[in-house]
């Protein structure tokens, strides 16, 4: 008798486990919409719920053909994972359930009953199909005291162009009776908009689109039309089209909840007792986005659209050796959207960096949009010793107002390029002999010099004198007395000093002597430059410092480069300064004096 209940419990547990496994393996999809009523022009949410699929990858939702007049936009997907554990008779069973919620925004453009077809959800070989969905879109009574307008550009625009769009809401009734306001246009879902931020104290209009409701700054005025005085709220937006095409759009719609009856709450404040839905509909609109013309498109065009663009090029160093890297910073500024503007080839339109003279990076150079513009940073190398400047670079943009491409050039940057020195084994030995590792040690003299430097005893009479007459002779009278030996000693000392000076000069590295001569010559040129003015003085100072650059110490190199760049700015008139001021000239003289 005891075994029967145990058997029943075992069978029941098995059925529960099988059912749990079946639910975990089963796939289902459902289609539902936000609870109505749904009104013309008022967006509402539709959701596709899919369960029984794997966590990865996200399933694909295939919508059927939507009824005419029902607009759909995708809002996003929210996956959720839940785990349940069941223990029956000590047996532990774990099940995992994954649910994907796909959200869509629906907007009915006309009243009536519509049928949303079934939706298929697919993940690899796994599929599930939803039910169909019936919706009732209700008409809203038109308000004779309300108008709505959508004002588009009168002419066609181009992709990337920033075009002004205005929304105007007219209301002749009591604004304090408006409980809720909704403005929608299909245009808001088609394109990207740049809106001015709403600050505290500003008026704003609520505009509804695919991304939800956004508050747009508005200007309020009073106007009279058809004998009625209206309060007019105008909100301006900047539309940026991303693709060409002909767009015919349904009218803009404004819905309001108007309070028709008030009551007092327990605190004595007025609160709505009854509201009424009212609506105003604008006119259909058309927008033409023309593709950019191919004819006349320059090589230096890289996606910039707008007006007043400029390209500024700055070099990290203007005194380099052949093959040394030069850091370039290119800054693009202009009235237009910079996000899609890229960098054209640096040798575009036959300008800029000649590939025969410069080595430039391959591929696109990524840019970064900052407050100052869009900056591109790259490194180039000079491969031709004849190069004396970074030439002007061409940059083109499309001006939609003029309907044509416009090109600008950057300013040139003067360069001094020295030949790269090839170090041999002899240079290494000379460096070790004369470098800091052997301070005070003179270089080894040549064979002939060394022979002359020793005491030469060849031909000397080294015999020992024994004759008394010679040994007893008066020394003071020998060789003319004391005057002649003193003169000989004086001339010998002078000769030793001269030979010491000549020896010191001979031991100095010829490159050091050449550097001293160069520094002396360029200091003289700097003093001569002081007699000039403005750009001429700046150019002379820059030329002298470039000649001094190979002999500058590392600690002085940065200051030298800064002075040269400032002089170039004055010489090429790239700044508001029109002359080299006293401080700049004094800095150059001080640097040259320090080097000597």
Protein backbone atom coordinates (compact mmCIF):
# COMPACT_ATOMS: atom_id res chain seq x y z
CA UNK A 1 0.00 0.00 0.00
CA UNK A 2 2.97 2.33 0.70
CA UNK A 3 4.45 1.80 -2.75
CA UNK A 4 1.45 3.25 -4.64
CA UNK A 5 1.79 6.80 -3.30
CA UNK A 6 5.53 6.65 -3.92
CA UNK A 7 4.92 5.60 -7.53
CA UNK A 8 2.39 8.38 -8.02
CA UNK A 9 4.87 10.90 -6.61
CA UNK A 10 7.61 9.64 -8.92
CA UNK A 11 5.35 9.86 -12.00
CA UNK A 12 4.17 13.33 -10.97
CA UNK A 13 7.77 14.49 -10.54
CA UNK A 14 8.68 13.13 -13.97
CA UNK A 15 5.71 14.90 -15.57
CA UNK A 16 6.68 18.17 -13.85
CA UNK A 17 10.29 17.85 -15.07
CA UNK A 18 9.15 17.09 -18.62
CA UNK A 19 6.72 19.99 -18.63
CA UNK A 20 9.38 22.31 -17.24
CA UNK A 21 11.81 21.16 -19.91
CA UNK A 22 9.14 21.57 -22.57
CA UNK A 23 8.44 25.14 -21.47
CA UNK A 24 12.16 25.93 -21.44
CA UNK A 25 12.58 24.51 -24.93
CA UNK A 26 9.35 25.98 -26.28
CA UNK A 27 9.43 29.18 -28.29
CA UNK A 28 6.66 31.71 -28.49
CA UNK A 29 6.13 35.25 -29.72
CA UNK A 30 3.36 37.70 -28.94
CA UNK A 31 2.30 41.03 -30.44
CA UNK A 32 0.65 43.67 -28.24
CA UNK A 33 0.05 47.44 -28.23
CA UNK A 34 -0.27 50.08 -25.59
CA UNK A 35 -3.81 50.31 -24.23
CA UNK A 36 -6.03 52.74 -26.17
CA UNK A 37 -7.84 54.71 -27.16
CA UNK A 38 -5.46 55.63 -29.99
CA UNK A 39 -5.87 58.94 -31.78
CA UNK A 40 -4.74 60.26 -35.11
CA UNK A 41 -1.30 61.85 -34.81
CA UNK A 42 -0.60 60.58 -31.30
CA UNK A 43 2.19 57.97 -31.15
CA UNK A 44 1.80 54.82 -29.05
CA UNK A 45 4.02 51.80 -28.37
CA UNK A 46 3.73 48.34 -29.94
CA UNK A 47 5.76 45.49 -28.45
CA UNK A 48 6.94 42.15 -29.88
CA UNK A 49 7.76 39.69 -27.07
CA UNK A 50 9.83 36.60 -27.95
CA UNK A 51 10.79 33.84 -25.49
CA UNK A 52 12.49 30.46 -25.66
CA UNK A 53 15.43 31.72 -27.76
CA UNK A 54 19.13 31.70 -26.92
CA UNK A 55 20.78 34.74 -25.35
CA UNK A 56 23.07 35.23 -28.34
CA UNK A 57 22.67 36.39 -31.00
CA UNK A 58 19.70 38.76 -30.76
CA UNK A 59 16.82 37.34 -32.82
CA UNK A 60 15.72 39.08 -36.01
CA UNK A 61 12.19 40.51 -36.20
CA UNK A 62 10.53 40.48 -39.62
CA UNK A 63 7.56 42.82 -39.80
CA UNK A 64 4.89 42.30 -42.40
CA UNK A 65 3.55 45.02 -44.68
CA UNK A 66 2.00 47.70 -42.51
CA UNK A 67 -1.43 49.17 -43.35
CA UNK A 68 -1.44 52.43 -45.24
CA UNK A 69 -1.40 55.45 -42.95
CA UNK A 70 0.25 53.59 -40.03
CA UNK A 71 3.86 54.70 -39.49
CA UNK A 72 6.29 52.44 -37.62
CA UNK A 73 9.71 53.24 -36.14
CA UNK A 74 11.97 50.94 -34.12
CA UNK A 75 12.76 52.10 -30.58
CA UNK A 76 15.03 49.31 -29.34
CA UNK A 77 15.20 45.86 -27.74
CA UNK A 78 15.29 44.95 -24.04
CA UNK A 79 16.43 41.38 -23.31
CA UNK A 80 15.82 39.79 -19.90
CA UNK A 81 17.06 36.47 -18.48
CA UNK A 82 15.47 34.59 -15.57
CA UNK A 83 16.59 31.36 -13.91
CA UNK A 84 14.34 29.03 -11.89
CA UNK A 85 15.34 26.03 -9.78
CA UNK A 86 12.92 23.17 -8.92
CA UNK A 87 13.68 20.43 -6.37
CA UNK A 88 11.38 17.39 -6.30
CA UNK A 89 12.23 14.40 -4.10
CA UNK A 90 15.81 15.68 -3.79
CA UNK A 91 16.24 16.03 -7.54
CA UNK A 92 17.35 19.51 -8.54
CA UNK A 93 16.21 20.90 -11.88
CA UNK A 94 17.37 24.29 -13.24
CA UNK A 95 15.66 26.07 -16.12
CA UNK A 96 16.71 29.29 -17.85
CA UNK A 97 14.30 31.57 -19.69
CA UNK A 98 15.30 34.38 -22.06
CA UNK A 99 12.74 37.01 -23.09
CA UNK A 100 13.33 39.67 -25.76
CA UNK A 101 11.07 42.74 -25.86
CA UNK A 102 11.21 44.63 -29.17
CA UNK A 103 9.58 48.07 -28.93
CA UNK A 104 8.13 50.04 -31.85
CA UNK A 105 6.44 53.43 -32.07
CA UNK A 106 3.21 53.52 -34.10
CA UNK A 107 1.44 56.66 -35.32
CA UNK A 108 -1.83 56.64 -37.16
CA UNK A 109 -2.17 59.26 -39.91
CA UNK A 110 -5.90 58.66 -40.49
CA UNK A 111 -8.89 57.40 -38.56
CA UNK A 112 -10.28 53.85 -38.91
CA UNK A 113 -9.67 50.22 -38.01
CA UNK A 114 -6.30 48.82 -39.07
CA UNK A 115 -4.85 45.30 -38.96
CA UNK A 116 -1.17 44.81 -38.06
CA UNK A 117 -0.07 41.51 -39.67
CA UNK A 118 1.64 38.71 -37.75
CA UNK A 119 5.34 39.15 -37.04
CA UNK A 120 8.00 36.43 -37.42
CA UNK A 121 10.92 36.20 -34.99
CA UNK A 122 13.96 34.24 -36.24
CA UNK A 123 17.26 33.15 -34.66
CA UNK A 124 19.21 30.81 -36.91
CA UNK A 125 16.94 27.82 -37.51
CA UNK A 126 14.62 28.77 -34.63
CA UNK A 127 11.49 30.73 -35.49
CA UNK A 128 8.27 31.86 -33.84
CA UNK A 129 5.29 33.78 -35.23
CA UNK A 130 3.05 36.20 -33.36
CA UNK A 131 -0.64 36.81 -33.57
CA UNK A 132 -2.10 39.58 -35.73
CA UNK A 133 -3.18 42.82 -34.01
CA UNK A 134 -6.32 44.87 -34.57
CA UNK A 135 -6.20 48.59 -33.79
CA UNK A 136 -8.80 51.35 -33.83
CA UNK A 137 -7.50 54.83 -34.65
CA UNK A 138 -9.97 57.51 -33.64
CA UNK A 139 -10.53 60.88 -35.24
CA UNK A 140 -10.17 63.96 -33.03
CA UNK A 141 -12.41 66.97 -33.29
CA UNK A 142 -10.77 69.93 -35.01
CA UNK A 143 -10.23 73.06 -32.91
CA UNK A 144 -11.20 76.25 -34.81
CA UNK A 145 -9.02 78.31 -32.47
CA UNK A 146 -5.84 76.36 -33.27
CA UNK A 147 -3.46 76.16 -36.26
CA UNK A 148 -0.18 74.36 -36.91
CA UNK A 149 2.45 75.01 -39.61
CA UNK A 150 5.68 73.33 -40.70
CA UNK A 151 7.94 75.62 -42.73
CA UNK A 152 10.66 73.97 -44.83
CA UNK A 153 13.38 75.51 -47.03
CA UNK A 154 11.90 76.94 -50.22
CA UNK A 155 14.70 75.48 -52.33
CA UNK A 156 16.24 72.03 -52.47
CA UNK A 157 19.05 71.14 -50.07
CA UNK A 158 22.07 68.82 -50.20
CA UNK A 159 23.16 65.93 -47.98
CA UNK A 160 25.08 67.26 -45.01
CA UNK A 161 23.68 70.77 -45.40
CA UNK A 162 22.31 72.45 -42.27
CA UNK A 163 18.85 73.72 -43.17
CA UNK A 164 16.45 75.72 -40.99
CA UNK A 165 13.02 74.22 -40.27
CA UNK A 166 10.33 76.08 -38.31
CA UNK A 167 7.29 74.80 -36.38
CA UNK A 168 4.57 77.36 -35.61
CA UNK A 169 1.69 76.70 -33.27
CA UNK A 170 -1.14 79.22 -33.33
CA UNK A 171 -3.71 79.37 -30.52
CA UNK A 172 -6.53 81.90 -30.11
CA UNK A 173 -8.05 80.48 -26.90
CA UNK A 174 -7.00 80.65 -23.29
CA UNK A 175 -3.58 79.00 -23.03
CA UNK A 176 -4.15 78.15 -19.36
CA UNK A 177 -6.89 75.72 -20.46
CA UNK A 178 -4.35 73.54 -22.32
CA UNK A 179 -3.67 70.47 -20.19
CA UNK A 180 -1.53 68.51 -22.65
CA UNK A 181 0.12 69.33 -25.99
CA UNK A 182 1.52 66.91 -28.61
CA UNK A 183 3.05 67.93 -31.95
CA UNK A 184 4.15 65.30 -34.45
CA UNK A 185 5.43 65.26 -38.03
CA UNK A 186 6.90 62.37 -40.07
CA UNK A 187 9.76 64.75 -40.84
CA UNK A 188 10.98 64.36 -37.26
CA UNK A 189 11.59 60.63 -37.86
CA UNK A 190 13.27 61.02 -41.25
CA UNK A 191 16.26 63.21 -40.48
CA UNK A 192 18.68 64.29 -37.80
CA UNK A 193 18.09 67.62 -36.03
CA UNK A 194 20.33 69.97 -34.09
CA UNK A 195 18.32 71.88 -31.49
CA UNK A 196 19.32 74.84 -29.38
CA UNK A 197 19.31 73.87 -25.69
CA UNK A 198 16.38 75.11 -23.61
CA UNK A 199 17.47 77.16 -20.61
CA UNK A 200 15.56 78.10 -17.54
CA UNK A 201 12.95 80.73 -18.31
CA UNK A 202 12.75 79.87 -22.03
CA UNK A 203 9.49 78.96 -23.76
CA UNK A 204 9.45 75.58 -25.48
CA UNK A 205 7.30 73.41 -27.74
CA UNK A 206 7.08 69.62 -27.16
CA UNK A 207 7.85 67.84 -30.46
CA UNK A 208 7.36 64.08 -30.70
CA UNK A 209 9.51 61.81 -32.88
CA UNK A 210 10.96 58.32 -33.02
CA UNK A 211 13.23 59.05 -30.07
CA UNK A 212 10.37 60.31 -27.95
CA UNK A 213 9.36 63.80 -26.93
CA UNK A 214 11.88 66.63 -27.10
CA UNK A 215 11.51 70.19 -25.84
CA UNK A 216 12.58 72.74 -28.46
CA UNK A 217 13.19 76.39 -27.62
CA UNK A 218 10.38 78.63 -28.92
CA UNK A 219 9.78 82.36 -29.37
CA UNK A 220 6.28 83.58 -28.42
CA UNK A 221 4.57 86.49 -30.19
CA UNK A 222 1.09 87.90 -30.86
CA UNK A 223 -0.38 87.97 -34.36
CA UNK A 224 -3.77 88.60 -35.93
CA UNK A 225 -5.18 86.47 -38.75
CA UNK A 226 -8.72 86.32 -40.16
CA UNK A 227 -9.90 88.71 -37.48
CA UNK A 228 -8.57 86.53 -34.63
CA UNK A 229 -5.73 87.36 -32.32
CA UNK A 230 -3.39 84.39 -31.83
CA UNK A 231 -0.61 83.54 -29.49
CA UNK A 232 2.10 82.17 -31.83
CA UNK A 233 4.93 79.94 -30.58
CA UNK A 234 7.71 79.41 -33.16
CA UNK A 235 10.37 76.73 -32.67
CA UNK A 236 13.32 76.64 -35.08
CA UNK A 237 15.30 73.46 -35.70
CA UNK A 238 18.38 72.72 -37.80
CA UNK A 239 17.78 69.79 -40.15
CA UNK A 240 20.76 67.79 -41.44
CA UNK A 241 19.87 65.47 -44.34
CA UNK A 242 22.07 62.39 -44.63
CA UNK A 243 20.87 61.09 -48.00
CA UNK A 244 19.50 62.40 -51.25
CA UNK A 245 15.88 61.84 -52.28
CA UNK A 246 12.43 63.30 -52.88
CA UNK A 247 10.38 63.25 -49.67
CA UNK A 248 6.59 63.79 -49.69
CA UNK A 249 5.42 63.89 -46.09
CA UNK A 250 2.03 63.77 -44.38
CA UNK A 251 0.82 66.93 -42.61
CA UNK A 252 2.08 67.95 -39.21
CA UNK A 253 -0.48 67.35 -36.44
CA UNK A 254 -1.01 69.00 -33.06
CA UNK A 255 -3.24 67.40 -30.41
CA UNK A 256 -4.27 69.07 -27.17
CA UNK A 257 -6.24 68.11 -24.11
CA UNK A 258 -8.36 71.16 -23.36
CA UNK A 259 -9.97 71.59 -19.96
CA UNK A 260 -13.71 72.26 -20.44
CA UNK A 261 -14.66 72.09 -16.76
CA UNK A 262 -12.83 72.97 -13.57
CA UNK A 263 -13.34 72.10 -9.91
CA UNK A 264 -11.78 72.95 -6.55
CA UNK A 265 -9.69 70.42 -4.64
CA UNK A 266 -9.52 70.14 -0.85
CA UNK A 267 -6.95 72.93 -0.78
CA UNK A 268 -9.11 75.27 -2.83
CA UNK A 269 -6.97 75.02 -5.96
CA UNK A 270 -8.51 74.69 -9.42
CA UNK A 271 -8.04 71.26 -10.99
CA UNK A 272 -9.41 69.84 -14.28
CA UNK A 273 -12.82 68.18 -13.89
CA UNK A 274 -13.35 67.35 -17.58
CA UNK A 275 -11.07 67.55 -20.65
CA UNK A 276 -11.70 67.36 -24.36
CA UNK A 277 -9.40 66.15 -27.13
CA UNK A 278 -8.90 68.68 -29.92
CA UNK A 279 -6.68 68.70 -32.98
CA UNK A 280 -5.26 70.87 -35.75
CA UNK A 281 -3.71 69.52 -38.95
CA UNK A 282 -1.21 71.33 -41.17
CA UNK A 283 -0.54 70.87 -44.88
CA UNK A 284 1.43 68.11 -46.61
CA UNK A 285 5.04 69.11 -47.26
CA UNK A 286 7.68 68.18 -49.80
CA UNK A 287 11.44 68.24 -49.32
CA UNK A 288 13.99 67.67 -52.07
CA UNK A 289 17.51 66.59 -51.12
CA UNK A 290 19.72 66.77 -54.21
CA UNK A 291 22.89 64.68 -54.50
CA UNK A 292 26.18 66.55 -54.58
CA UNK A 293 27.27 67.29 -58.15
CA UNK A 294 29.99 65.08 -59.62
CA UNK A 295 31.00 67.62 -62.24
CA UNK A 296 33.74 69.89 -61.00
CA UNK A 297 34.30 67.96 -57.78
CA UNK A 298 37.95 68.60 -56.80
CA UNK A 299 40.29 65.95 -55.46
CA UNK A 300 40.63 67.94 -52.25
CA UNK A 301 36.91 67.56 -51.39
CA UNK A 302 36.47 65.28 -48.37
CA UNK A 303 32.85 65.65 -47.31
CA UNK A 304 32.74 69.16 -45.83
CA UNK A 305 29.51 71.06 -46.59
CA UNK A 306 28.84 74.60 -45.47
CA UNK A 307 30.67 77.90 -45.82
CA UNK A 308 33.75 79.79 -44.67
CA UNK A 309 36.06 76.81 -44.15
CA UNK A 310 39.77 77.24 -43.45
CA UNK A 311 42.67 74.84 -42.96
CA UNK A 312 45.46 75.69 -40.53
CA UNK A 313 48.66 73.63 -40.60
CA UNK A 314 51.18 73.69 -37.75
CA UNK A 315 54.56 71.89 -37.71
CA UNK A 316 56.13 70.60 -34.53
CA UNK A 317 59.64 71.49 -35.79
CA UNK A 318 60.89 73.58 -38.71
CA UNK A 319 64.61 72.67 -38.49
CA UNK A 320 65.10 68.98 -39.26
CA UNK A 321 67.53 66.48 -40.71
CA UNK A 322 66.70 64.57 -43.86
CA UNK A 323 64.35 61.72 -42.92
CA UNK A 324 63.48 63.06 -39.47
CA UNK A 325 59.74 62.88 -38.57
CA UNK A 326 57.78 66.15 -38.57
CA UNK A 327 54.61 66.23 -36.46
CA UNK A 328 51.85 68.08 -38.32
CA UNK A 329 48.59 69.28 -36.77
CA UNK A 330 45.88 70.26 -39.27
CA UNK A 331 42.85 72.14 -37.90
CA UNK A 332 39.70 72.48 -40.01
CA UNK A 333 37.26 75.25 -39.13
CA UNK A 334 34.07 76.40 -40.82
CA UNK A 335 30.34 76.93 -40.66
CA UNK A 336 29.06 73.43 -41.22
CA UNK A 337 28.88 69.95 -39.76
CA UNK A 338 32.42 68.74 -39.12
CA UNK A 339 31.62 65.18 -38.03
CA UNK A 340 31.56 63.81 -41.58
CA UNK A 341 34.43 65.99 -42.84
CA UNK A 342 37.61 63.98 -43.36
CA UNK A 343 41.10 64.76 -44.63
CA UNK A 344 41.77 64.64 -48.38
CA UNK A 345 45.08 63.38 -49.80
CA UNK A 346 47.90 65.67 -48.66
CA UNK A 347 48.93 66.14 -52.30
CA UNK A 348 45.39 66.78 -53.65
CA UNK A 349 44.86 69.18 -56.56
CA UNK A 350 48.59 69.22 -57.28
CA UNK A 351 49.23 71.12 -54.03
CA UNK A 352 50.59 70.14 -50.67
CA UNK A 353 53.16 67.41 -50.02
CA UNK A 354 54.68 66.01 -53.20
CA UNK A 355 55.10 62.22 -52.76
CA UNK A 356 58.52 62.57 -54.44
CA UNK A 357 59.67 64.91 -51.66
CA UNK A 358 57.69 63.74 -48.63
CA UNK A 359 56.82 60.43 -47.05
CA UNK A 360 53.22 60.54 -45.77
CA UNK A 361 51.14 57.93 -43.87
CA UNK A 362 48.92 55.56 -45.81
CA UNK A 363 45.13 55.38 -45.37
CA UNK A 364 42.70 57.75 -43.69
CA UNK A 365 43.81 59.93 -40.80
CA UNK A 366 41.25 60.00 -37.98
CA UNK A 367 40.18 63.42 -36.76
CA UNK A 368 38.76 64.70 -33.50
CA UNK A 369 36.09 67.40 -33.22
CA UNK A 370 36.97 69.98 -30.58
CA UNK A 371 35.77 73.46 -29.70
CA UNK A 372 38.47 74.85 -31.96
CA UNK A 373 37.39 72.78 -34.98
CA UNK A 374 38.31 69.33 -36.24
CA UNK A 375 41.95 68.38 -35.68
CA UNK A 376 44.02 65.82 -37.59
CA UNK A 377 47.46 64.78 -36.28
CA UNK A 378 50.00 62.93 -38.40
CA UNK A 379 53.74 62.56 -38.97
CA UNK A 380 55.57 63.13 -42.28
CA UNK A 381 59.22 62.87 -43.35
CA UNK A 382 61.23 64.90 -45.85
CA UNK A 383 62.94 62.72 -48.46
CA UNK A 384 64.38 65.47 -50.70
CA UNK A 385 67.14 67.79 -49.37
CA UNK A 386 65.96 70.52 -51.77
CA UNK A 387 62.74 71.01 -49.75
CA UNK A 388 62.60 74.40 -48.04
CA UNK A 389 58.97 74.59 -46.96
CA UNK A 390 55.81 72.68 -46.23
CA UNK A 391 53.80 73.89 -49.24
CA UNK A 392 50.21 75.17 -49.03
CA UNK A 393 47.66 72.33 -48.86
CA UNK A 394 44.32 72.44 -50.66
CA UNK A 395 40.99 71.80 -48.93
CA UNK A 396 37.63 71.99 -50.71
CA UNK A 397 34.05 72.07 -49.50
CA UNK A 398 30.63 72.31 -51.10
CA UNK A 399 28.84 75.62 -50.52
CA UNK A 400 25.06 74.95 -50.82
CA UNK A 401 24.29 78.68 -51.00
CA UNK A 402 26.48 79.08 -54.08
CA UNK A 403 25.78 75.57 -55.36
CA UNK A 404 29.44 74.90 -56.13
CA UNK A 405 32.71 73.65 -54.68
CA UNK A 406 35.07 76.15 -53.06
CA UNK A 407 38.77 75.59 -52.34
CA UNK A 408 41.04 77.17 -49.75
CA UNK A 409 44.80 76.87 -49.24
CA UNK A 410 46.71 76.64 -45.99
CA UNK A 411 49.69 78.92 -45.33
CA UNK A 412 53.18 77.63 -46.19
CA UNK A 413 55.64 76.82 -43.43
CA UNK A 414 59.35 77.49 -43.97
CA UNK A 415 61.66 74.50 -43.36
CA UNK A 416 65.42 74.06 -43.03
CA UNK A 417 66.44 70.53 -43.95
CA UNK A 418 69.99 69.35 -43.24
CA UNK A 419 71.57 66.25 -44.66
CA UNK A 420 71.69 63.24 -42.41
CA UNK A 421 75.25 62.47 -41.17
CA UNK A 422 76.57 58.94 -41.72
CA UNK A 423 78.75 57.92 -38.72
CA UNK A 424 81.82 55.82 -39.54
CA UNK A 425 84.17 53.85 -37.29
CA UNK A 426 86.65 56.73 -37.49
CA UNK A 427 84.02 59.10 -36.07
CA UNK A 428 83.47 56.71 -33.19
CA UNK A 429 87.22 56.59 -32.38
CA UNK A 430 87.53 60.39 -32.64
CA UNK A 431 84.53 60.82 -30.37
CA UNK A 432 85.98 58.49 -27.77
CA UNK A 433 89.32 60.27 -27.90
CA UNK A 434 87.87 63.76 -27.57
CA UNK A 435 84.56 63.20 -25.85
CA UNK A 436 83.57 63.64 -22.24
CA UNK A 437 84.95 60.20 -21.35
CA UNK A 438 88.50 61.58 -21.73
CA UNK A 439 88.34 65.17 -20.49
CA UNK A 440 91.42 67.25 -21.09
CA UNK A 441 93.12 64.60 -23.24
CA UNK A 442 94.41 66.06 -26.50
CA UNK A 443 93.96 64.12 -29.76
CA UNK A 444 96.84 61.98 -30.90
CA UNK A 445 99.14 63.92 -33.22
CA UNK A 446 100.24 62.76 -36.63
CA UNK A 447 103.50 60.88 -37.05
CA UNK A 448 105.43 63.89 -38.34
CA UNK A 449 104.16 66.15 -35.58
CA UNK A 450 105.03 63.57 -32.94
CA UNK A 451 108.62 63.31 -34.28
CA UNK A 452 108.99 67.07 -34.16
CA UNK A 453 107.66 67.19 -30.66
CA UNK A 454 110.42 64.95 -29.20
CA UNK A 455 114.04 66.05 -28.21
CA UNK A 456 116.10 65.23 -31.33
CA UNK A 457 119.68 64.06 -30.38
CA UNK A 458 120.85 63.13 -33.88
CA UNK A 459 124.16 64.96 -34.77
CA UNK A 460 124.80 66.12 -31.21
CA UNK A 461 128.33 65.91 -29.66
CA UNK A 462 127.89 63.91 -26.49
CA UNK A 463 131.61 63.45 -25.71
CA UNK A 464 132.86 64.28 -22.16
CA UNK A 465 135.07 67.39 -22.12
CA UNK A 466 138.40 67.02 -20.21
CA UNK A 467 140.46 70.00 -21.50
CA UNK A 468 141.39 72.29 -18.56
CA UNK A 469 141.29 75.41 -20.67
CA UNK A 470 137.71 74.84 -21.54
CA UNK A 471 136.71 73.68 -18.09
CA UNK A 472 138.31 76.68 -16.38
CA UNK A 473 137.04 79.31 -18.85
CA UNK A 474 134.92 82.26 -17.53
CA UNK A 475 131.30 81.44 -18.21
CA UNK A 476 130.21 85.06 -18.18
CA UNK A 477 132.49 85.86 -21.09
CA UNK A 478 131.55 82.77 -23.11
CA UNK A 479 129.20 83.36 -26.10
CA UNK A 480 129.20 87.12 -25.63
CA UNK A 481 128.68 87.26 -21.90
CA UNK A 482 125.35 87.11 -19.95
CA UNK A 483 123.32 89.13 -22.49
CA UNK A 484 123.27 86.50 -25.20
CA UNK A 485 122.13 83.59 -22.96
CA UNK A 486 119.40 85.75 -21.47
CA UNK A 487 118.14 86.59 -24.94
CA UNK A 488 118.26 82.95 -25.89
CA UNK A 489 116.31 81.99 -22.79
CA UNK A 490 113.68 84.69 -23.53
CA UNK A 491 113.27 83.63 -27.15
CA UNK A 492 113.00 80.01 -26.07
CA UNK A 493 110.27 80.81 -23.57
CA UNK A 494 108.39 82.81 -26.19
CA UNK A 495 108.80 79.96 -28.66
CA UNK A 496 107.41 77.53 -26.07
CA UNK A 497 104.33 79.74 -25.57
CA UNK A 498 103.77 80.06 -29.32
CA UNK A 499 104.14 76.31 -29.82
CA UNK A 500 101.72 75.70 -26.92
CA UNK A 501 99.08 77.97 -28.51
CA UNK A 502 99.58 76.41 -31.92
CA UNK A 503 99.37 72.96 -30.38
CA UNK A 504 96.13 73.82 -28.63
CA UNK A 505 94.63 75.11 -31.87
CA UNK A 506 95.77 72.04 -33.76
CA UNK A 507 94.15 69.79 -31.15
CA UNK A 508 90.68 71.41 -31.52
CA UNK A 509 88.16 69.44 -33.60
CA UNK A 510 87.69 71.17 -36.98
CA UNK A 511 83.90 70.88 -36.59
CA UNK A 512 84.12 72.90 -33.35
CA UNK A 513 86.06 75.63 -35.12
CA UNK A 514 83.49 75.66 -37.93
CA UNK A 515 80.67 75.91 -35.40
CA UNK A 516 82.38 78.86 -33.72
CA UNK A 517 82.75 80.62 -37.04
CA UNK A 518 79.07 79.95 -37.89
CA UNK A 519 77.85 81.25 -34.55
CA UNK A 520 80.02 84.37 -34.91
CA UNK A 521 78.71 85.00 -38.46
CA UNK A 522 75.06 84.48 -37.55
CA UNK A 523 75.35 86.76 -34.50
CA UNK A 524 76.60 89.44 -36.86
CA UNK A 525 73.62 88.84 -39.15
CA UNK A 526 71.28 89.08 -36.18
CA UNK A 527 72.73 92.45 -35.28
CA UNK A 528 72.27 93.56 -38.88
CA UNK A 529 68.65 92.35 -38.79
CA UNK A 530 68.01 94.84 -36.00
CA UNK A 531 68.15 97.60 -38.61
CA UNK A 532 65.22 96.06 -40.52
CA UNK A 533 61.52 96.18 -39.62
CA UNK A 534 58.39 94.02 -39.69
CA UNK A 535 58.38 90.92 -41.85
CA UNK A 536 61.86 91.55 -43.29
CA UNK A 537 63.44 91.55 -39.82
CA UNK A 538 61.42 88.44 -38.84
CA UNK A 539 62.57 86.58 -41.96
CA UNK A 540 66.23 87.53 -41.34
CA UNK A 541 66.05 86.46 -37.69
CA UNK A 542 64.42 83.12 -38.67
CA UNK A 543 67.11 82.47 -41.31
CA UNK A 544 69.92 83.17 -38.82
CA UNK A 545 68.40 80.91 -36.17
CA UNK A 546 67.89 78.09 -38.67
CA UNK A 547 71.61 78.28 -39.49
CA UNK A 548 72.37 78.14 -35.76
CA UNK A 549 70.00 75.21 -35.10
CA UNK A 550 72.49 72.37 -35.86
CA UNK A 551 74.82 73.80 -33.18
CA UNK A 552 72.19 74.36 -30.49
CA UNK A 553 72.15 72.27 -27.34
CA UNK A 554 69.11 70.12 -26.59
CA UNK A 555 68.06 72.48 -23.78
CA UNK A 556 67.99 75.43 -26.19
CA UNK A 557 66.35 73.63 -29.13
CA UNK A 558 62.74 74.12 -28.03
CA UNK A 559 63.22 77.85 -27.47
CA UNK A 560 64.90 78.16 -30.88
CA UNK A 561 61.98 76.39 -32.60
CA UNK A 562 59.46 78.63 -30.83
CA UNK A 563 61.25 81.81 -31.93
CA UNK A 564 61.51 80.54 -35.53
CA UNK A 565 57.77 79.71 -35.61
CA UNK A 566 56.85 83.15 -34.28
CA UNK A 567 59.12 84.79 -36.86
CA UNK A 568 57.50 82.71 -39.61
CA UNK A 569 54.07 83.84 -38.43
CA UNK A 570 55.17 87.46 -38.81
CA UNK A 571 57.00 86.88 -42.11
CA UNK A 572 54.08 85.06 -43.69
CA UNK A 573 51.52 87.38 -42.03
CA UNK A 574 49.70 84.44 -40.44
CA UNK A 575 48.89 86.34 -37.24
CA UNK A 576 47.52 89.70 -36.26
CA UNK A 577 51.06 90.92 -35.55
CA UNK A 578 52.58 92.80 -38.44
CA UNK A 579 56.15 93.15 -37.11
CA UNK A 580 58.69 91.41 -34.88
CA UNK A 581 58.48 93.11 -31.50
CA UNK A 582 61.48 93.92 -29.34
CA UNK A 583 60.95 90.94 -27.07
CA UNK A 584 61.16 88.46 -29.97
CA UNK A 585 64.37 90.07 -31.34
CA UNK A 586 65.93 90.23 -27.86
CA UNK A 587 65.18 86.55 -27.27
CA UNK A 588 66.97 85.65 -30.51
CA UNK A 589 70.08 87.69 -29.58
CA UNK A 590 70.17 86.19 -26.09
CA UNK A 591 69.93 82.66 -27.48
CA UNK A 592 72.79 83.27 -29.95
CA UNK A 593 74.96 84.77 -27.20
CA UNK A 594 74.30 81.79 -24.96
CA UNK A 595 75.35 79.41 -27.75
CA UNK A 596 78.67 81.23 -28.25
